[in-house]
């Protein structure tokens, strides 16, 4: 089954993993230490994030390190940007209305 980026970030644990790995590459055991979940559960989350190409893994000696793929995060940001623009416009309109009300009270 092919998952997409939005399915991956829908889960709060996976979002927390992304936040951890954004700071530095980490091993699965190091990631698992931050959660009250089994190592197998964390491995499943890592697999899903990897399938969605949000994470890449590299081997250094006997350890596997996961790191964030910034380019895929840009896809999310691009999608969110359309909503960001809508809300910025609405907040600007609200600011104008509030300024008008404030000026009318003077």
N, C-alpha and C. Protein backbone atom coordinates (compact mmCIF):
# COMPACT_ATOMS: atom_id res chain seq x y z
N UNK A 1 0.84 -1.19 0.00
CA UNK A 1 0.00 0.00 0.00
C UNK A 1 0.88 1.24 0.00
N UNK A 2 0.62 2.15 -0.91
CA UNK A 2 1.38 3.40 -1.00
C UNK A 2 0.70 4.45 -0.14
N UNK A 3 1.45 4.97 0.79
CA UNK A 3 0.92 6.02 1.68
C UNK A 3 1.38 7.37 1.17
N UNK A 4 0.66 8.40 1.57
CA UNK A 4 1.14 9.73 1.21
C UNK A 4 1.61 10.47 2.47
N UNK A 5 2.20 11.60 2.24
CA UNK A 5 2.80 12.39 3.32
C UNK A 5 1.76 12.77 4.37
N UNK A 6 0.55 13.07 3.93
CA UNK A 6 -0.47 13.54 4.86
C UNK A 6 -0.98 12.41 5.76
N UNK A 7 -0.99 11.19 5.25
CA UNK A 7 -1.31 10.05 6.11
C UNK A 7 -0.23 9.89 7.18
N UNK A 8 1.01 10.12 6.78
CA UNK A 8 2.12 9.96 7.72
C UNK A 8 2.05 10.97 8.85
N UNK A 9 1.76 12.22 8.53
CA UNK A 9 1.77 13.25 9.57
C UNK A 9 0.44 13.32 10.34
N UNK A 10 -0.53 12.51 9.95
CA UNK A 10 -1.81 12.49 10.67
C UNK A 10 -1.66 11.92 12.08
N UNK A 11 -0.65 11.11 12.29
CA UNK A 11 -0.46 10.46 13.59
C UNK A 11 0.43 11.32 14.49
N UNK A 12 0.00 11.59 15.74
CA UNK A 12 0.79 12.44 16.63
C UNK A 12 2.16 11.87 16.99
N UNK A 13 2.27 10.56 17.07
CA UNK A 13 3.58 9.96 17.36
C UNK A 13 4.54 10.21 16.22
N UNK A 14 4.05 10.08 15.00
CA UNK A 14 4.92 10.31 13.85
C UNK A 14 5.32 11.78 13.76
N UNK A 15 4.41 12.68 14.11
CA UNK A 15 4.77 14.11 14.12
C UNK A 15 5.85 14.37 15.18
N UNK A 16 5.74 13.70 16.32
CA UNK A 16 6.75 13.85 17.37
C UNK A 16 8.10 13.28 16.91
N UNK A 17 8.07 12.18 16.20
CA UNK A 17 9.31 11.59 15.66
C UNK A 17 9.95 12.57 14.68
N UNK A 18 9.15 13.16 13.82
CA UNK A 18 9.67 14.15 12.87
C UNK A 18 10.33 15.30 13.60
N UNK A 19 9.69 15.78 14.66
CA UNK A 19 10.27 16.88 15.45
C UNK A 19 11.60 16.48 16.07
N UNK A 20 11.69 15.26 16.56
CA UNK A 20 12.96 14.78 17.14
C UNK A 20 14.06 14.70 16.09
N UNK A 21 13.73 14.11 14.97
CA UNK A 21 14.73 13.88 13.93
C UNK A 21 15.10 15.18 13.21
N UNK A 22 14.23 16.17 13.27
CA UNK A 22 14.55 17.45 12.64
C UNK A 22 15.79 18.08 13.27
N UNK A 23 16.01 17.79 14.53
CA UNK A 23 17.16 18.36 15.24
C UNK A 23 18.46 17.65 14.90
N UNK A 24 18.39 16.33 14.76
CA UNK A 24 19.58 15.54 14.44
C UNK A 24 19.18 14.13 14.04
N UNK A 25 20.04 13.48 13.27
CA UNK A 25 19.81 12.09 12.89
C UNK A 25 19.86 11.24 14.16
N UNK A 26 18.99 10.23 14.22
CA UNK A 26 18.91 9.40 15.42
C UNK A 26 18.73 7.94 15.05
N UNK A 27 19.15 7.07 15.96
CA UNK A 27 18.93 5.63 15.80
C UNK A 27 17.52 5.29 16.28
N UNK A 28 16.98 4.17 15.84
CA UNK A 28 15.64 3.77 16.32
C UNK A 28 15.58 3.64 17.84
N UNK A 29 16.62 3.12 18.45
CA UNK A 29 16.62 2.99 19.92
C UNK A 29 16.60 4.35 20.60
N UNK A 30 17.35 5.30 20.08
CA UNK A 30 17.37 6.65 20.65
C UNK A 30 15.99 7.31 20.51
N UNK A 31 15.35 7.07 19.39
CA UNK A 31 14.00 7.61 19.18
C UNK A 31 13.02 6.97 20.15
N UNK A 32 13.09 5.65 20.28
CA UNK A 32 12.16 4.91 21.13
C UNK A 32 12.25 5.35 22.60
N UNK A 33 13.42 5.80 23.03
CA UNK A 33 13.58 6.24 24.42
C UNK A 33 12.70 7.43 24.77
N UNK A 34 12.24 8.16 23.77
CA UNK A 34 11.41 9.35 24.00
C UNK A 34 9.92 9.05 24.09
N UNK A 35 9.55 7.78 23.94
CA UNK A 35 8.13 7.42 23.89
C UNK A 35 7.82 6.28 24.85
N UNK A 36 6.58 6.23 25.29
CA UNK A 36 6.08 5.11 26.10
C UNK A 36 5.44 4.09 25.17
N UNK A 37 6.19 3.67 24.18
CA UNK A 37 5.71 2.68 23.20
C UNK A 37 6.77 1.60 23.08
N UNK A 38 6.36 0.51 22.48
CA UNK A 38 7.32 -0.57 22.26
C UNK A 38 8.27 -0.19 21.13
N UNK A 39 9.39 -0.83 21.11
CA UNK A 39 10.37 -0.61 20.03
C UNK A 39 9.75 -1.00 18.69
N UNK A 40 8.92 -2.04 18.68
CA UNK A 40 8.26 -2.48 17.44
C UNK A 40 7.29 -1.41 16.92
N UNK A 41 6.60 -0.76 17.84
CA UNK A 41 5.67 0.30 17.46
C UNK A 41 6.42 1.46 16.81
N UNK A 42 7.54 1.84 17.40
CA UNK A 42 8.34 2.93 16.85
C UNK A 42 8.90 2.52 15.49
N UNK A 43 9.31 1.27 15.36
CA UNK A 43 9.81 0.79 14.08
C UNK A 43 8.75 0.89 12.99
N UNK A 44 7.50 0.60 13.35
CA UNK A 44 6.41 0.71 12.38
C UNK A 44 6.22 2.16 11.95
N UNK A 45 6.28 3.07 12.90
CA UNK A 45 6.16 4.50 12.57
C UNK A 45 7.32 4.93 11.67
N UNK A 46 8.52 4.47 11.96
CA UNK A 46 9.67 4.81 11.14
C UNK A 46 9.53 4.26 9.72
N UNK A 47 8.99 3.07 9.62
CA UNK A 47 8.78 2.46 8.31
C UNK A 47 7.79 3.29 7.49
N UNK A 48 6.70 3.70 8.12
CA UNK A 48 5.69 4.50 7.42
C UNK A 48 6.28 5.84 6.98
N UNK A 49 7.03 6.48 7.86
CA UNK A 49 7.66 7.75 7.51
C UNK A 49 8.67 7.58 6.37
N UNK A 50 9.36 6.46 6.39
CA UNK A 50 10.33 6.17 5.32
C UNK A 50 9.62 5.89 3.99
N UNK A 51 8.52 5.13 4.05
CA UNK A 51 7.74 4.84 2.84
C UNK A 51 7.23 6.12 2.19
N UNK A 52 6.92 7.09 3.00
CA UNK A 52 6.42 8.38 2.50
C UNK A 52 7.56 9.32 2.13
N UNK A 53 8.76 8.83 2.25
CA UNK A 53 9.97 9.57 1.91
C UNK A 53 10.18 10.81 2.77
N UNK A 54 9.63 10.79 3.98
CA UNK A 54 9.90 11.88 4.92
C UNK A 54 11.21 11.65 5.67
N UNK A 55 11.62 10.39 5.74
CA UNK A 55 12.88 10.03 6.41
C UNK A 55 13.75 9.23 5.45
N UNK A 56 15.03 9.37 5.64
CA UNK A 56 15.98 8.47 4.98
C UNK A 56 16.81 7.83 6.08
N UNK A 57 17.34 6.67 5.76
CA UNK A 57 18.19 6.02 6.75
C UNK A 57 19.56 5.77 6.14
N UNK A 58 20.55 5.86 7.01
CA UNK A 58 21.92 5.59 6.57
C UNK A 58 22.59 4.74 7.64
N UNK A 59 23.46 3.90 7.19
CA UNK A 59 24.15 3.00 8.12
C UNK A 59 25.54 3.56 8.42
N UNK A 60 25.84 3.63 9.70
CA UNK A 60 27.16 4.04 10.16
C UNK A 60 27.66 2.96 11.10
N UNK A 61 28.54 2.12 10.59
CA UNK A 61 28.98 0.97 11.37
C UNK A 61 27.83 0.01 11.54
N UNK A 62 27.54 -0.34 12.79
CA UNK A 62 26.44 -1.26 13.07
C UNK A 62 25.11 -0.54 13.32
N UNK A 63 25.15 0.76 13.35
CA UNK A 63 23.95 1.55 13.67
C UNK A 63 23.29 2.10 12.41
N UNK A 64 21.98 2.18 12.46
CA UNK A 64 21.19 2.82 11.40
C UNK A 64 20.68 4.14 11.95
N UNK A 65 20.88 5.20 11.20
CA UNK A 65 20.43 6.53 11.60
C UNK A 65 19.34 7.00 10.65
N UNK A 66 18.29 7.58 11.23
CA UNK A 66 17.21 8.16 10.45
C UNK A 66 17.38 9.67 10.46
N UNK A 67 17.15 10.27 9.31
CA UNK A 67 17.20 11.72 9.23
C UNK A 67 16.05 12.24 8.39
N UNK A 68 15.68 13.48 8.62
CA UNK A 68 14.53 14.09 7.96
C UNK A 68 14.88 14.49 6.54
N UNK A 69 13.93 14.27 5.64
CA UNK A 69 14.06 14.72 4.25
C UNK A 69 13.34 16.07 4.14
N UNK A 70 14.11 17.13 4.14
CA UNK A 70 13.54 18.48 4.14
C UNK A 70 12.70 18.74 2.89
N UNK A 71 13.11 18.20 1.76
CA UNK A 71 12.36 18.44 0.51
C UNK A 71 10.91 17.98 0.61
N UNK A 72 10.66 16.84 1.25
CA UNK A 72 9.29 16.36 1.40
C UNK A 72 8.50 17.26 2.35
N UNK A 73 9.17 17.82 3.34
CA UNK A 73 8.49 18.75 4.25
C UNK A 73 8.06 20.01 3.49
N UNK A 74 8.81 20.37 2.46
CA UNK A 74 8.45 21.52 1.63
C UNK A 74 7.14 21.27 0.89
N UNK A 75 6.88 20.02 0.52
CA UNK A 75 5.61 19.68 -0.12
C UNK A 75 4.44 19.97 0.82
N UNK A 76 4.61 19.65 2.08
CA UNK A 76 3.58 19.92 3.08
C UNK A 76 3.39 21.42 3.23
N UNK A 77 4.50 22.13 3.32
CA UNK A 77 4.45 23.58 3.48
C UNK A 77 3.77 24.25 2.29
N UNK A 78 4.04 23.74 1.09
CA UNK A 78 3.43 24.29 -0.11
C UNK A 78 1.91 24.13 -0.07
N UNK A 79 1.47 22.96 0.38
CA UNK A 79 0.03 22.70 0.47
C UNK A 79 -0.61 23.60 1.53
N UNK A 80 0.08 23.75 2.67
CA UNK A 80 -0.45 24.58 3.74
C UNK A 80 -0.45 26.06 3.40
N UNK A 81 0.44 26.46 2.51
CA UNK A 81 0.59 27.87 2.18
C UNK A 81 -0.70 28.47 1.63
N UNK A 82 -1.47 27.69 0.87
CA UNK A 82 -2.73 28.21 0.35
C UNK A 82 -3.69 28.61 1.48
N UNK A 83 -3.69 27.85 2.56
CA UNK A 83 -4.55 28.16 3.70
C UNK A 83 -3.97 29.30 4.52
N UNK A 84 -2.66 29.34 4.60
CA UNK A 84 -1.98 30.42 5.32
C UNK A 84 -2.34 31.76 4.69
N UNK A 85 -2.36 31.82 3.36
CA UNK A 85 -2.69 33.06 2.66
C UNK A 85 -4.14 33.47 2.92
N UNK A 86 -5.04 32.50 2.93
CA UNK A 86 -6.45 32.80 3.20
C UNK A 86 -6.59 33.39 4.60
N UNK A 87 -5.96 32.76 5.60
CA UNK A 87 -6.09 33.24 6.97
C UNK A 87 -5.39 34.58 7.16
N UNK A 88 -4.28 34.80 6.50
CA UNK A 88 -3.62 36.11 6.61
C UNK A 88 -4.51 37.21 6.05
N UNK A 89 -5.20 36.91 4.95
CA UNK A 89 -6.13 37.88 4.37
C UNK A 89 -7.28 38.15 5.33
N UNK A 90 -7.81 37.10 5.93
CA UNK A 90 -8.93 37.28 6.87
C UNK A 90 -8.50 38.05 8.11
N UNK A 91 -7.31 37.76 8.62
CA UNK A 91 -6.83 38.50 9.80
C UNK A 91 -6.57 39.97 9.45
N UNK A 92 -6.11 40.22 8.25
CA UNK A 92 -5.89 41.59 7.82
C UNK A 92 -7.23 42.33 7.72
N UNK A 93 -8.23 41.66 7.18
CA UNK A 93 -9.56 42.25 7.09
C UNK A 93 -10.13 42.53 8.49
N UNK A 94 -9.93 41.58 9.40
CA UNK A 94 -10.40 41.76 10.78
C UNK A 94 -9.69 42.93 11.42
N UNK A 95 -8.39 43.05 11.19
CA UNK A 95 -7.62 44.16 11.73
C UNK A 95 -8.16 45.49 11.22
N UNK A 96 -8.53 45.53 9.94
CA UNK A 96 -9.10 46.75 9.38
C UNK A 96 -10.44 47.09 10.02
N UNK A 97 -11.28 46.09 10.23
CA UNK A 97 -12.58 46.30 10.87
C UNK A 97 -12.39 46.81 12.30
N UNK A 98 -11.49 46.19 13.04
CA UNK A 98 -11.24 46.61 14.42
C UNK A 98 -10.66 48.02 14.49
N UNK A 99 -9.82 48.36 13.55
CA UNK A 99 -9.27 49.73 13.50
C UNK A 99 -10.37 50.74 13.22
N UNK A 100 -11.28 50.39 12.31
CA UNK A 100 -12.40 51.27 11.99
C UNK A 100 -13.29 51.47 13.21
N UNK A 101 -13.59 50.39 13.90
CA UNK A 101 -14.42 50.48 15.12
C UNK A 101 -13.73 51.33 16.17
N UNK A 102 -12.46 51.14 16.34
CA UNK A 102 -11.69 51.91 17.34
C UNK A 102 -11.68 53.38 16.98
N UNK A 103 -11.49 53.69 15.70
CA UNK A 103 -11.47 55.11 15.26
C UNK A 103 -12.85 55.75 15.39
N UNK A 104 -13.92 54.98 15.21
CA UNK A 104 -15.28 55.52 15.32
C UNK A 104 -15.64 55.82 16.78
N UNK A 105 -14.99 55.17 17.72
CA UNK A 105 -15.28 55.39 19.14
C UNK A 105 -14.65 56.68 19.63
N UNK A 106 -13.67 57.16 18.93
CA UNK A 106 -12.96 58.39 19.38
C UNK A 106 -13.75 59.62 19.15
